[in-house]
Amino acid sequence: MPYWAYIAHLLGVADELVPRGAADGLRMAHHMILTAGGPTEWTDGPCAPLTTTTTWA
């Protein structure tokens, strides 16, 4: 996490958004997953061939 915190700092990420440890990072990831929302109407067009025509041999 320290390296990512430094990279985030260099990129100008607000300090309160940078996780300070593994537990903090997991909490933030869990929050992002729960609040991300669903796919947009744009997703159906380009992604449909990837999800409907793929066969697993």
N, C-alpha and C. Protein backbone atom coordinates (compact mmCIF):
# COMPACT_ATOMS: atom_id res chain seq x y z
N MET A 1 0.80 -1.21 0.00
CA MET A 1 0.00 0.00 0.00
C MET A 1 0.84 1.28 0.00
N PRO A 2 2.02 1.30 0.62
CA PRO A 2 2.77 2.56 0.61
C PRO A 2 3.14 3.03 -0.79
N TYR A 3 3.45 2.08 -1.68
CA TYR A 3 3.81 2.49 -3.04
C TYR A 3 2.61 3.09 -3.76
N TRP A 4 1.44 2.47 -3.59
CA TRP A 4 0.24 3.00 -4.24
C TRP A 4 -0.14 4.34 -3.65
N ALA A 5 0.07 4.52 -2.35
CA ALA A 5 -0.21 5.82 -1.73
C ALA A 5 0.69 6.89 -2.34
N TYR A 6 1.94 6.56 -2.57
CA TYR A 6 2.87 7.51 -3.17
C TYR A 6 2.48 7.83 -4.61
N ILE A 7 2.11 6.80 -5.37
CA ILE A 7 1.68 7.01 -6.75
C ILE A 7 0.43 7.88 -6.79
N ALA A 8 -0.52 7.58 -5.91
CA ALA A 8 -1.75 8.39 -5.85
C ALA A 8 -1.42 9.84 -5.51
N HIS A 9 -0.48 10.04 -4.60
CA HIS A 9 -0.05 11.40 -4.25
C HIS A 9 0.54 12.11 -5.46
N LEU A 10 1.38 11.42 -6.21
CA LEU A 10 1.97 12.02 -7.41
C LEU A 10 0.92 12.37 -8.45
N LEU A 11 -0.15 11.56 -8.51
CA LEU A 11 -1.22 11.81 -9.48
C LEU A 11 -2.22 12.86 -8.99
N GLY A 12 -2.07 13.30 -7.77
CA GLY A 12 -2.93 14.36 -7.26
C GLY A 12 -4.22 13.87 -6.63
N VAL A 13 -4.27 12.61 -6.22
CA VAL A 13 -5.47 12.07 -5.57
C VAL A 13 -5.59 12.69 -4.18
N ALA A 14 -6.82 13.06 -3.80
CA ALA A 14 -7.06 13.65 -2.48
C ALA A 14 -6.63 12.67 -1.40
N ASP A 15 -6.01 13.19 -0.36
CA ASP A 15 -5.44 12.37 0.70
C ASP A 15 -6.46 11.44 1.37
N GLU A 16 -7.70 11.90 1.52
CA GLU A 16 -8.71 11.07 2.18
C GLU A 16 -9.17 9.89 1.32
N LEU A 17 -8.81 9.87 0.03
CA LEU A 17 -9.17 8.76 -0.85
C LEU A 17 -8.07 7.70 -0.95
N VAL A 18 -6.94 7.93 -0.35
CA VAL A 18 -5.82 7.00 -0.43
C VAL A 18 -5.88 6.05 0.77
N PRO A 19 -6.04 4.75 0.53
CA PRO A 19 -6.07 3.80 1.64
C PRO A 19 -4.71 3.73 2.33
N ARG A 20 -4.72 3.63 3.64
CA ARG A 20 -3.47 3.61 4.42
C ARG A 20 -3.02 2.21 4.82
N GLY A 21 -3.83 1.23 4.54
CA GLY A 21 -3.46 -0.14 4.85
C GLY A 21 -4.37 -1.10 4.12
N ALA A 22 -4.11 -2.39 4.28
CA ALA A 22 -4.89 -3.40 3.56
C ALA A 22 -6.35 -3.38 3.97
N ALA A 23 -6.62 -3.27 5.27
CA ALA A 23 -8.01 -3.26 5.75
C ALA A 23 -8.75 -2.04 5.21
N ASP A 24 -8.09 -0.90 5.19
CA ASP A 24 -8.69 0.32 4.66
C ASP A 24 -8.96 0.18 3.17
N GLY A 25 -8.04 -0.42 2.45
CA GLY A 25 -8.22 -0.64 1.01
C GLY A 25 -9.37 -1.59 0.73
N LEU A 26 -9.50 -2.65 1.54
CA LEU A 26 -10.62 -3.59 1.36
C LEU A 26 -11.95 -2.92 1.65
N ARG A 27 -11.99 -2.09 2.68
CA ARG A 27 -13.23 -1.35 2.99
C ARG A 27 -13.62 -0.44 1.84
N MET A 28 -12.66 0.25 1.27
CA MET A 28 -12.95 1.15 0.15
C MET A 28 -13.40 0.37 -1.08
N ALA A 29 -12.75 -0.76 -1.36
CA ALA A 29 -13.13 -1.59 -2.51
C ALA A 29 -14.54 -2.14 -2.32
N HIS A 30 -14.86 -2.58 -1.10
CA HIS A 30 -16.19 -3.10 -0.81
C HIS A 30 -17.24 -2.01 -1.05
N HIS A 31 -16.96 -0.80 -0.60
CA HIS A 31 -17.89 0.32 -0.81
C HIS A 31 -18.07 0.61 -2.30
N MET A 32 -16.98 0.59 -3.07
CA MET A 32 -17.08 0.87 -4.51
C MET A 32 -17.91 -0.18 -5.22
N ILE A 33 -17.73 -1.45 -4.84
CA ILE A 33 -18.49 -2.52 -5.47
C ILE A 33 -19.98 -2.40 -5.15
N LEU A 34 -20.30 -2.07 -3.89
CA LEU A 34 -21.70 -1.97 -3.49
C LEU A 34 -22.42 -0.77 -4.10
N THR A 35 -21.69 0.28 -4.45
CA THR A 35 -22.33 1.50 -4.94
C THR A 35 -22.08 1.76 -6.42
N ALA A 36 -21.51 0.80 -7.15
CA ALA A 36 -21.13 1.03 -8.54
C ALA A 36 -22.33 1.17 -9.48
N GLY A 37 -23.44 0.50 -9.20
CA GLY A 37 -24.58 0.56 -10.10
C GLY A 37 -24.48 -0.50 -11.19
N GLY A 38 -25.44 -0.48 -12.06
CA GLY A 38 -25.51 -1.48 -13.12
C GLY A 38 -24.92 -0.99 -14.42
N PRO A 39 -25.00 -1.83 -15.45
CA PRO A 39 -24.47 -1.43 -16.75
C PRO A 39 -25.35 -0.35 -17.40
N THR A 40 -24.74 0.41 -18.29
CA THR A 40 -25.49 1.43 -19.02
C THR A 40 -26.07 0.82 -20.29
N GLU A 41 -26.91 1.57 -20.98
CA GLU A 41 -27.47 1.09 -22.24
C GLU A 41 -26.39 0.96 -23.31
N TRP A 42 -25.28 1.69 -23.16
CA TRP A 42 -24.17 1.59 -24.11
C TRP A 42 -23.50 0.22 -24.02
N THR A 43 -23.53 -0.40 -22.85
CA THR A 43 -22.84 -1.67 -22.63
C THR A 43 -23.39 -2.79 -23.51
N ASP A 44 -24.69 -2.81 -23.72
CA ASP A 44 -25.30 -3.90 -24.47
C ASP A 44 -24.78 -4.00 -25.91
N GLY A 45 -24.57 -2.89 -26.57
CA GLY A 45 -24.12 -2.92 -27.96
C GLY A 45 -22.75 -3.53 -28.15
N PRO A 46 -21.69 -2.90 -27.66
CA PRO A 46 -20.35 -3.40 -27.91
C PRO A 46 -20.03 -4.71 -27.18
N CYS A 47 -20.64 -4.95 -26.05
CA CYS A 47 -20.29 -6.13 -25.25
C CYS A 47 -21.12 -7.37 -25.59
N ALA A 48 -22.23 -7.20 -26.28
CA ALA A 48 -23.09 -8.34 -26.57
C ALA A 48 -22.37 -9.44 -27.35
N PRO A 49 -21.61 -9.13 -28.41
CA PRO A 49 -20.91 -10.21 -29.11
C PRO A 49 -19.92 -10.97 -28.22
N LEU A 50 -19.35 -10.30 -27.27
CA LEU A 50 -18.38 -10.95 -26.38
C LEU A 50 -19.05 -11.91 -25.40
N THR A 51 -20.28 -11.61 -25.03
CA THR A 51 -20.94 -12.43 -24.02
C THR A 51 -21.90 -13.46 -24.62
N THR A 52 -22.34 -13.27 -25.86
CA THR A 52 -23.31 -14.20 -26.43
C THR A 52 -22.71 -15.19 -27.42
N THR A 53 -21.60 -14.86 -28.04
CA THR A 53 -21.04 -15.75 -29.06
C THR A 53 -19.82 -16.52 -28.59
N THR A 54 -19.38 -16.27 -27.38
CA THR A 54 -18.21 -16.95 -26.88
C THR A 54 -18.56 -18.40 -26.54
N THR A 55 -17.77 -19.31 -27.07
CA THR A 55 -17.96 -20.72 -26.73
C THR A 55 -16.72 -21.22 -26.04
N TRP A 56 -16.93 -22.03 -25.07
CA TRP A 56 -15.82 -22.61 -24.31
C TRP A 56 -15.60 -24.03 -24.78
N ALA A 57 -14.48 -24.26 -25.40
CA ALA A 57 -14.19 -25.59 -25.94
C ALA A 57 -13.32 -26.37 -24.99
